């Protein structure tokens, strides 16, 4: 389906100036020209990328001249977004910012056989400091805005330090997987998030240039979060490509984060966490053939509001025992919220920062953070053969990483683990 860009035009002296395309009347007043931008090949050229970006930027800047923007005298820009500090006890890009940024790029890579992880991580950490501060020339003059970079190391590297450490275990294989060897596992995760879509690939290029030939990229994935829906005070969750609100349940309070999210020890990994990445294709056409009621039965929640089928509010814990007068469960036995419920599985909560994707196929980049890998593996094992949602998914990439503890100028990234 072609994407649409609108170049606005005002009516002057009874004449309408048109570039090309189809003339339409805009709902906010004035007229516009409708241009069709056809989808390019999978590997776009730099010129095509810049051309498409320029069209979108032009549309956005012209729209800023409409009456609402003129009234305020200001246009929202990435420069006005509150920066997120990259330093502290924990790495940014997990619980901060809230809500999460719209755009994401994850890069999964391997280290060369003779590469020392410690110096590489320290260099990457220093680059993160300059990039997020906006002082790095490799930003090409763009303000970083709310840029965050989150870095983790894979099980192979963790095992070189201590095979008993959290993060040393690989993910097992599950059903409904179609994963090429190149898309399973990896030594290094670089997660880049920002509200400004242009910042993300520029920062990725800078960090990969910093690493040079010490790393070899395995796979990467871009994603975008849907519109946010309020879940609780100060907390939101996005909609996914299936139309449902994604990531409603998770550790929300400091107590829950300490219990289920952050690693308390051993000392080398304290204040880190365990990340799981799963890229999934979604069978959107088949899901769309279901009635809304049947779609809601798959999830166990109302599509429009996110409220559990057992009632309450979006933040209410599903009442799994609630039944209709004739004895049927309000939340079906194979509904996702039942099969993945932490109390049913017997594990802690996982924090999810999932992003919708359209390449290489429409789907979801599922990302979960937890302090025990069994929170994820036990949950997926419980879901594997009985969760109605999984029949619409196929996993095409999978990896797990130890997200390193926080860092600053005096304490380099990775220094607690790699000397």
Protein backbone atom coordinates (compact mmCIF):
# COMPACT_ATOMS: atom_id res chain seq x y z
CA UNK A 1 0.00 0.00 0.00
CA UNK A 2 1.55 3.36 -0.96
CA UNK A 3 2.40 5.82 1.77
CA UNK A 4 1.09 9.37 1.63
CA UNK A 5 2.75 12.76 1.97
CA UNK A 6 0.76 16.01 1.82
CA UNK A 7 2.28 19.31 0.66
CA UNK A 8 -0.01 22.08 1.86
CA UNK A 9 -0.92 25.05 -0.34
CA UNK A 10 -2.95 28.13 0.61
CA UNK A 11 -5.46 29.71 -1.77
CA UNK A 12 -4.31 33.17 -2.98
CA UNK A 13 -6.22 35.68 -5.10
CA UNK A 14 -8.65 33.04 -6.27
CA UNK A 15 -5.92 30.83 -7.75
CA UNK A 16 -4.52 27.56 -6.50
CA UNK A 17 -0.89 26.66 -7.18
CA UNK A 18 -0.29 22.95 -7.61
CA UNK A 19 2.98 20.95 -8.02
CA UNK A 20 1.64 17.64 -9.14
CA UNK A 21 -0.67 14.89 -8.00
CA UNK A 22 -4.24 15.09 -6.80
CA UNK A 23 -5.61 18.30 -5.22
CA UNK A 24 -7.54 17.84 -1.96
CA UNK A 25 -9.18 20.16 0.54
CA UNK A 26 -7.61 19.92 4.01
CA UNK A 27 -9.82 19.53 7.07
CA UNK A 28 -7.92 22.28 8.89
CA UNK A 29 -8.43 24.76 6.04
CA UNK A 30 -6.66 25.46 2.74
CA UNK A 31 -5.72 22.95 0.11
CA UNK A 32 -3.08 20.30 -0.37
CA UNK A 33 -1.57 18.12 -3.04
CA UNK A 34 -1.61 14.38 -2.50
CA UNK A 35 1.63 12.65 -3.54
CA UNK A 36 2.19 8.93 -3.74
CA UNK A 37 5.50 7.57 -2.49
CA UNK A 38 5.89 4.01 -3.70
CA UNK A 39 7.68 1.48 -1.56
CA UNK A 40 11.31 0.93 -2.53
CA UNK A 41 13.26 -2.27 -2.62
CA UNK A 42 14.26 -3.81 0.73
CA UNK A 43 17.72 -2.20 0.54
CA UNK A 44 17.10 1.46 -0.16
CA UNK A 45 19.78 3.70 -1.55
CA UNK A 46 21.03 6.62 0.52
CA UNK A 47 19.60 9.03 -2.05
CA UNK A 48 16.16 7.39 -1.85
CA UNK A 49 16.24 7.49 1.95
CA UNK A 50 17.16 11.18 2.03
CA UNK A 51 14.58 12.00 -0.61
CA UNK A 52 11.77 10.32 1.32
CA UNK A 53 12.93 11.94 4.54
CA UNK A 54 12.97 15.34 2.90
CA UNK A 55 9.39 14.90 1.68
CA UNK A 56 8.19 13.97 5.16
CA UNK A 57 10.09 16.82 6.80
CA UNK A 58 8.66 19.30 4.29
CA UNK A 59 5.14 18.10 5.04
CA UNK A 60 5.72 18.44 8.77
CA UNK A 61 7.23 21.93 8.52
CA UNK A 62 4.44 23.20 6.29
CA UNK A 63 1.81 21.77 8.63
CA UNK A 64 3.42 23.80 11.40
CA UNK A 65 2.18 26.94 9.62
CA UNK A 66 -1.45 25.95 10.16
CA UNK A 67 -3.60 28.08 12.52
CA UNK A 68 -3.15 25.88 15.63
CA UNK A 69 0.64 26.08 15.48
CA UNK A 70 0.59 29.76 14.63
CA UNK A 71 -1.61 30.38 17.66
CA UNK A 72 0.99 28.95 20.02
CA UNK A 73 3.91 30.57 18.21
CA UNK A 74 5.93 27.37 18.61
CA UNK A 75 6.37 24.08 16.81
CA UNK A 76 7.29 20.90 18.68
CA UNK A 77 10.80 19.78 17.71
CA UNK A 78 13.11 17.04 18.93
CA UNK A 79 15.25 19.77 20.51
CA UNK A 80 12.40 20.59 22.92
CA UNK A 81 12.20 17.02 24.24
CA UNK A 82 13.56 16.44 27.73
CA UNK A 83 17.00 14.75 27.59
CA UNK A 84 17.55 11.45 29.39
CA UNK A 85 20.75 11.11 31.39
CA UNK A 86 22.86 8.13 30.26
CA UNK A 87 24.58 7.81 33.64
CA UNK A 88 23.45 6.40 36.95
CA UNK A 89 22.89 3.15 38.76
CA UNK A 90 21.01 1.65 35.80
CA UNK A 91 21.36 2.13 32.07
CA UNK A 92 18.77 4.35 30.41
CA UNK A 93 16.32 2.96 27.86
CA UNK A 94 14.67 0.42 30.16
CA UNK A 95 12.41 2.19 32.69
CA UNK A 96 13.38 5.63 31.39
CA UNK A 97 12.00 7.49 29.62
CA UNK A 98 8.30 6.84 30.27
CA UNK A 99 6.58 6.64 27.89
CA UNK A 100 9.28 5.08 25.75
CA UNK A 101 10.48 6.88 22.64
CA UNK A 102 8.71 6.27 19.36
CA UNK A 103 11.67 4.97 17.32
CA UNK A 104 14.06 2.10 17.98
CA UNK A 105 16.95 0.31 16.31
CA UNK A 106 18.55 -2.79 17.78
CA UNK A 107 21.88 -4.06 16.45
CA UNK A 108 23.09 -7.55 17.39
CA UNK A 109 26.76 -8.31 16.72
CA UNK A 110 29.59 -10.71 17.52
CA UNK A 111 33.05 -9.82 18.81
CA UNK A 112 36.12 -10.97 16.96
CA UNK A 113 37.97 -13.90 18.53
CA UNK A 114 40.90 -11.82 19.82
CA UNK A 115 38.89 -8.76 20.86
CA UNK A 116 38.98 -7.75 24.52
CA UNK A 117 35.45 -6.88 25.62
CA UNK A 118 36.49 -4.45 28.39
CA UNK A 119 38.19 -1.74 26.28
CA UNK A 120 35.52 -1.99 23.57
CA UNK A 121 32.68 -1.51 26.06
CA UNK A 122 34.49 1.39 27.73
CA UNK A 123 34.88 3.12 24.34
CA UNK A 124 31.24 2.56 23.46
CA UNK A 125 30.20 3.97 26.84
CA UNK A 126 32.30 7.08 26.28
CA UNK A 127 30.73 7.52 22.84
CA UNK A 128 27.28 7.23 24.42
CA UNK A 129 28.18 10.07 26.80
CA UNK A 130 29.19 12.42 24.00
CA UNK A 131 26.33 11.44 21.70
CA UNK A 132 23.62 11.93 24.34
CA UNK A 133 25.24 15.22 25.39
CA UNK A 134 25.09 16.48 21.82
CA UNK A 135 28.83 17.22 21.75
CA UNK A 136 29.78 14.48 19.29
CA UNK A 137 30.47 15.75 15.77
CA UNK A 138 29.13 12.47 14.40
CA UNK A 139 25.60 13.71 15.22
CA UNK A 140 25.99 16.00 12.20
CA UNK A 141 24.45 18.93 14.04
CA UNK A 142 21.25 17.17 15.12
CA UNK A 143 20.11 17.63 18.74
CA UNK A 144 20.02 14.26 20.54
CA UNK A 145 16.69 15.01 22.24
CA UNK A 146 15.66 12.04 24.39
CA UNK A 147 18.24 9.67 22.84
CA UNK A 148 19.08 6.60 24.90
CA UNK A 149 21.57 3.83 24.15
CA UNK A 150 21.37 0.56 26.09
CA UNK A 151 24.16 -1.99 25.79
CA UNK A 152 24.24 -5.66 26.74
CA UNK A 153 26.53 -8.67 26.32
CA UNK A 154 25.57 -12.15 25.24
CA UNK A 155 25.88 -15.47 27.09
CA UNK A 156 29.20 -16.44 25.48
CA UNK A 157 30.94 -13.37 26.86
CA UNK A 158 29.35 -13.78 30.28
CA UNK A 159 30.53 -17.40 30.45
CA UNK A 160 34.12 -16.30 29.86
CA UNK A 161 33.90 -14.49 33.21
CA UNK A 162 31.81 -16.98 35.21
CA UNK A 163 29.40 -19.60 33.81
CA UNK A 164 27.27 -19.31 36.96
CA UNK A 165 26.51 -15.61 36.49
CA UNK A 166 23.04 -14.41 35.46
CA UNK A 167 23.06 -13.92 31.70
CA UNK A 168 25.31 -16.92 31.00
CA UNK A 169 22.47 -19.16 29.75
CA UNK A 170 21.39 -19.27 26.12
CA UNK A 171 17.71 -19.27 25.22
CA UNK A 172 16.31 -22.71 24.37
CA UNK A 173 14.48 -23.32 21.12
CA UNK A 174 10.70 -23.17 21.10
CA UNK A 175 7.98 -24.12 18.63
CA UNK A 176 6.76 -21.72 15.93
CA UNK A 177 10.32 -20.62 15.18
CA UNK A 178 11.81 -20.07 11.73
CA UNK A 179 15.20 -18.65 12.69
CA UNK A 180 18.27 -18.58 10.47
CA UNK A 181 21.56 -19.33 12.29
CA UNK A 182 22.65 -15.70 11.81
CA UNK A 183 19.53 -14.49 13.65
CA UNK A 184 19.97 -16.60 16.79
CA UNK A 185 22.11 -15.38 19.70
CA UNK A 186 24.95 -12.86 19.63
CA UNK A 187 27.71 -11.28 21.73
CA UNK A 188 26.65 -7.64 21.79
CA UNK A 189 23.36 -5.75 21.86
CA UNK A 190 23.13 -2.05 21.04
CA UNK A 191 19.62 -0.69 21.58
CA UNK A 192 19.09 2.87 20.33
CA UNK A 193 15.86 4.76 21.05
CA UNK A 194 14.81 8.33 20.25
CA UNK A 195 11.77 10.40 19.42
CA UNK A 196 13.59 11.83 16.39
CA UNK A 197 13.69 9.14 13.71
CA UNK A 198 16.76 10.73 12.07
CA UNK A 199 18.86 10.50 15.24
CA UNK A 200 18.59 6.72 15.48
CA UNK A 201 20.51 5.61 12.33
CA UNK A 202 23.06 8.41 12.76
CA UNK A 203 23.87 7.24 16.29
CA UNK A 204 24.02 3.62 15.12
CA UNK A 205 26.55 4.58 12.43
CA UNK A 206 28.66 6.44 14.99
CA UNK A 207 28.73 3.53 17.44
CA UNK A 208 29.48 0.95 14.76
CA UNK A 209 32.26 3.19 13.47
CA UNK A 210 33.62 3.37 17.02
CA UNK A 211 33.67 -0.42 17.25
CA UNK A 212 35.15 -0.81 13.77
CA UNK A 213 36.23 -4.27 12.70
CA UNK A 214 36.26 -5.50 16.30
CA UNK A 215 32.61 -6.52 15.85
CA UNK A 216 30.66 -8.24 13.09
CA UNK A 217 26.98 -7.44 12.75
CA UNK A 218 24.60 -10.39 12.82
CA UNK A 219 21.20 -8.72 12.43
CA UNK A 220 19.43 -5.47 13.13
CA UNK A 221 15.83 -4.41 13.52
CA UNK A 222 14.08 -1.06 13.35
CA UNK A 223 10.75 -0.58 15.09
CA UNK A 224 8.17 2.00 16.02
CA UNK A 225 5.78 2.23 18.94
CA UNK A 226 2.10 2.84 18.31
CA UNK A 227 -0.02 5.47 20.00
CA UNK A 228 0.16 5.44 23.79
CA UNK A 229 -2.85 4.68 25.98
CA UNK A 230 -2.94 5.64 29.70
CA UNK A 231 -2.68 2.59 31.97
CA UNK A 232 -2.15 4.14 35.39
CA UNK A 233 -1.01 7.48 36.76
CA UNK A 234 2.06 8.50 34.76
CA UNK A 235 2.18 5.15 32.91
CA UNK A 236 1.17 4.32 29.36
CA UNK A 237 1.31 1.39 26.93
CA UNK A 238 1.23 1.40 23.10
CA UNK A 239 -1.05 -0.34 20.66
CA UNK A 240 0.45 -3.07 18.48
CA UNK A 241 -0.21 -4.08 14.88
CA UNK A 242 -3.09 -6.33 16.00
CA UNK A 243 -4.87 -3.27 17.38
CA UNK A 244 -4.49 -4.25 21.05
CA UNK A 245 -2.71 -2.39 23.83
CA UNK A 246 0.67 -4.03 24.43
CA UNK A 247 2.62 -4.26 27.70
CA UNK A 248 -0.11 -3.40 30.21
CA UNK A 249 1.22 -5.74 32.89
CA UNK A 250 4.72 -5.28 34.30
CA UNK A 251 6.72 -4.05 37.29
CA UNK A 252 5.36 -0.54 37.92
CA UNK A 253 6.57 0.39 41.39
CA UNK A 254 10.09 0.62 42.81
CA UNK A 255 9.37 -2.42 44.98
CA UNK A 256 8.26 -4.47 41.95
CA UNK A 257 11.28 -3.32 39.94
CA UNK A 258 13.67 -4.37 42.70
CA UNK A 259 11.89 -7.71 43.02
CA UNK A 260 11.47 -8.63 39.35
CA UNK A 261 13.57 -6.36 37.12
CA UNK A 262 17.00 -5.43 38.49
CA UNK A 263 19.72 -7.89 39.43
CA UNK A 264 20.68 -7.61 43.10
CA UNK A 265 23.90 -9.58 42.59
CA UNK A 266 26.48 -11.00 42.35
CA UNK A 267 28.46 -7.77 42.51
CA UNK A 268 29.76 -7.77 38.88
CA UNK A 269 26.20 -7.74 37.49
CA UNK A 270 24.32 -5.89 40.27
CA UNK A 271 21.97 -3.22 38.87
CA UNK A 272 21.93 -4.92 35.48
CA UNK A 273 19.05 -6.93 34.06
CA UNK A 274 18.40 -9.75 31.56
CA UNK A 275 16.97 -8.82 28.16
CA UNK A 276 15.18 -11.14 25.75
CA UNK A 277 14.65 -10.17 22.09
CA UNK A 278 12.22 -12.05 19.86
CA UNK A 279 11.34 -10.82 16.38
CA UNK A 280 7.96 -12.17 15.37
CA UNK A 281 6.00 -12.09 12.15
CA UNK A 282 2.26 -11.60 12.69
CA UNK A 283 -0.40 -13.18 10.48
CA UNK A 284 -2.42 -9.97 10.19
CA UNK A 285 -4.76 -11.08 7.37
CA UNK A 286 -5.89 -14.19 9.24
CA UNK A 287 -6.31 -12.32 12.53
CA UNK A 288 -8.35 -9.65 10.76
CA UNK A 289 -10.88 -12.27 9.58
CA UNK A 290 -11.90 -12.88 13.21
CA UNK A 291 -14.81 -10.96 14.69
CA UNK A 292 -13.91 -8.38 17.32
CA UNK A 293 -15.33 -10.70 19.98
CA UNK A 294 -13.11 -13.56 18.79
CA UNK A 295 -10.08 -11.26 18.68
CA UNK A 296 -10.80 -10.22 22.25
CA UNK A 297 -11.09 -13.88 23.26
CA UNK A 298 -7.57 -14.47 21.90
CA UNK A 299 -6.14 -11.75 24.12
CA UNK A 300 -8.57 -11.87 27.05
CA UNK A 301 -9.01 -8.08 26.90
CA UNK A 302 -11.26 -5.56 25.17
CA UNK A 303 -9.63 -4.28 21.99
CA UNK A 304 -10.79 -0.68 22.38
CA UNK A 305 -9.99 -0.18 26.06
CA UNK A 306 -7.59 -2.93 27.18
CA UNK A 307 -9.94 -3.82 30.05
CA UNK A 308 -9.85 -7.55 30.98
CA UNK A 309 -12.87 -9.56 29.85
CA UNK A 310 -13.53 -10.15 33.55
CA UNK A 311 -14.18 -6.42 34.00
CA UNK A 312 -12.67 -3.57 35.99
CA UNK A 313 -10.25 -1.06 34.51
CA UNK A 314 -7.30 -1.41 32.16
CA UNK A 315 -5.01 -1.65 35.21
CA UNK A 316 -7.15 -4.31 36.93
CA UNK A 317 -5.65 -7.75 37.43
CA UNK A 318 -7.71 -10.21 35.37
CA UNK A 319 -10.10 -12.29 37.49
CA UNK A 320 -9.22 -15.66 36.02
CA UNK A 321 -11.88 -17.48 38.02
CA UNK A 322 -14.77 -15.23 36.94
CA UNK A 323 -17.54 -17.07 35.09
CA UNK A 324 -20.77 -16.36 33.23
CA UNK A 325 -24.09 -17.44 34.81
CA UNK A 326 -23.98 -20.61 32.70
CA UNK A 327 -20.51 -21.53 34.00
CA UNK A 328 -18.19 -20.42 31.18
CA UNK A 329 -14.98 -18.56 31.99
CA UNK A 330 -15.19 -14.88 31.11
CA UNK A 331 -11.51 -15.13 30.12
CA UNK A 332 -11.17 -18.24 27.91
CA UNK A 333 -8.81 -21.03 28.95
CA UNK A 334 -6.47 -20.35 26.01
CA UNK A 335 -6.56 -16.53 26.22
CA UNK A 336 -3.17 -14.85 26.23
CA UNK A 337 -3.67 -13.02 29.54
CA UNK A 338 -4.42 -16.33 31.26
CA UNK A 339 -1.64 -18.43 29.73
CA UNK A 340 1.00 -15.71 30.28
CA UNK A 341 -0.18 -14.60 33.74
CA UNK A 342 2.74 -14.57 36.17
CA UNK A 343 0.71 -16.15 38.98
CA UNK A 344 -0.42 -18.98 36.71
CA UNK A 345 3.12 -19.60 35.46
CA UNK A 346 4.67 -19.10 38.91
CA UNK A 347 7.25 -16.48 37.93
CA UNK A 348 7.90 -12.78 38.43
CA UNK A 349 6.82 -9.89 36.23
CA UNK A 350 8.64 -8.91 33.04
CA UNK A 351 8.95 -5.36 31.75
CA UNK A 352 8.19 -5.13 28.04
CA UNK A 353 9.33 -2.47 25.55
CA UNK A 354 7.88 -4.00 22.41
CA UNK A 355 7.94 -2.24 19.03
CA UNK A 356 5.90 -2.83 15.90
CA UNK A 357 7.85 -3.57 12.71
CA UNK A 358 7.10 -3.76 8.98
CA UNK A 359 10.39 -5.22 7.72
CA UNK A 360 11.28 -7.93 6.88
CA UNK A 361 7.55 -8.60 7.44
CA UNK A 362 4.78 -7.01 9.52
CA UNK A 363 5.18 -8.03 13.12
CA UNK A 364 6.59 -7.24 16.50
CA UNK A 365 9.99 -6.92 18.11
CA UNK A 366 9.22 -8.35 21.53
CA UNK A 367 11.66 -7.11 24.15
CA UNK A 368 11.38 -8.11 27.80
CA UNK A 369 13.57 -7.26 30.77
CA UNK A 370 13.67 -9.41 33.93
CA UNK A 371 16.18 -10.43 36.59
CA UNK A 372 15.65 -14.16 36.03
CA UNK A 373 15.74 -15.72 32.56
CA UNK A 374 13.22 -18.29 33.80
CA UNK A 375 10.60 -15.54 33.96
CA UNK A 376 10.64 -15.58 30.17
CA UNK A 377 11.44 -19.22 29.42
CA UNK A 378 8.87 -20.66 31.85
CA UNK A 379 6.23 -18.25 30.56
CA UNK A 380 6.80 -19.14 26.91
CA UNK A 381 6.92 -22.85 27.73
CA UNK A 382 3.54 -22.48 29.45
CA UNK A 383 2.18 -20.61 26.43
CA UNK A 384 3.80 -22.74 23.77
CA UNK A 385 1.07 -25.25 23.04
CA UNK A 386 -2.00 -23.60 24.51
CA UNK A 387 -1.93 -19.83 23.97
CA UNK A 388 -4.40 -18.71 21.29
CA UNK A 389 -2.22 -15.74 20.36
CA UNK A 390 0.78 -17.84 19.30
CA UNK A 391 -1.09 -19.38 16.37
CA UNK A 392 -0.76 -15.96 14.68
CA UNK A 393 3.00 -15.59 15.30
CA UNK A 394 6.23 -16.96 13.83
CA UNK A 395 9.53 -16.07 15.52
CA UNK A 396 12.32 -15.21 13.07
CA UNK A 397 15.08 -13.92 15.41
CA UNK A 398 15.93 -14.62 19.04
CA UNK A 399 18.60 -13.60 21.53
CA UNK A 400 19.23 -12.87 25.20
CA UNK A 401 21.70 -10.43 26.77
CA UNK A 402 22.94 -9.31 30.15
CA UNK A 403 22.21 -5.58 30.20
CA UNK A 404 25.25 -4.13 31.93
CA UNK A 405 25.00 -2.06 35.12
CA UNK A 406 24.95 1.72 34.83
CA UNK A 407 28.10 3.75 34.26
CA UNK A 408 29.51 7.29 34.29
CA UNK A 409 32.77 9.14 33.57
CA UNK A 410 34.53 7.59 36.56
CA UNK A 411 33.09 4.08 36.15
CA UNK A 412 33.33 2.89 32.51
CA UNK A 413 30.63 0.79 30.92
CA UNK A 414 31.28 -2.90 31.61
CA UNK A 415 34.07 -2.25 34.15
CA UNK A 416 32.35 -4.27 36.89
CA UNK A 417 32.40 -7.39 34.71
CA UNK A 418 35.35 -7.03 32.34
CA UNK A 419 38.67 -5.82 33.83
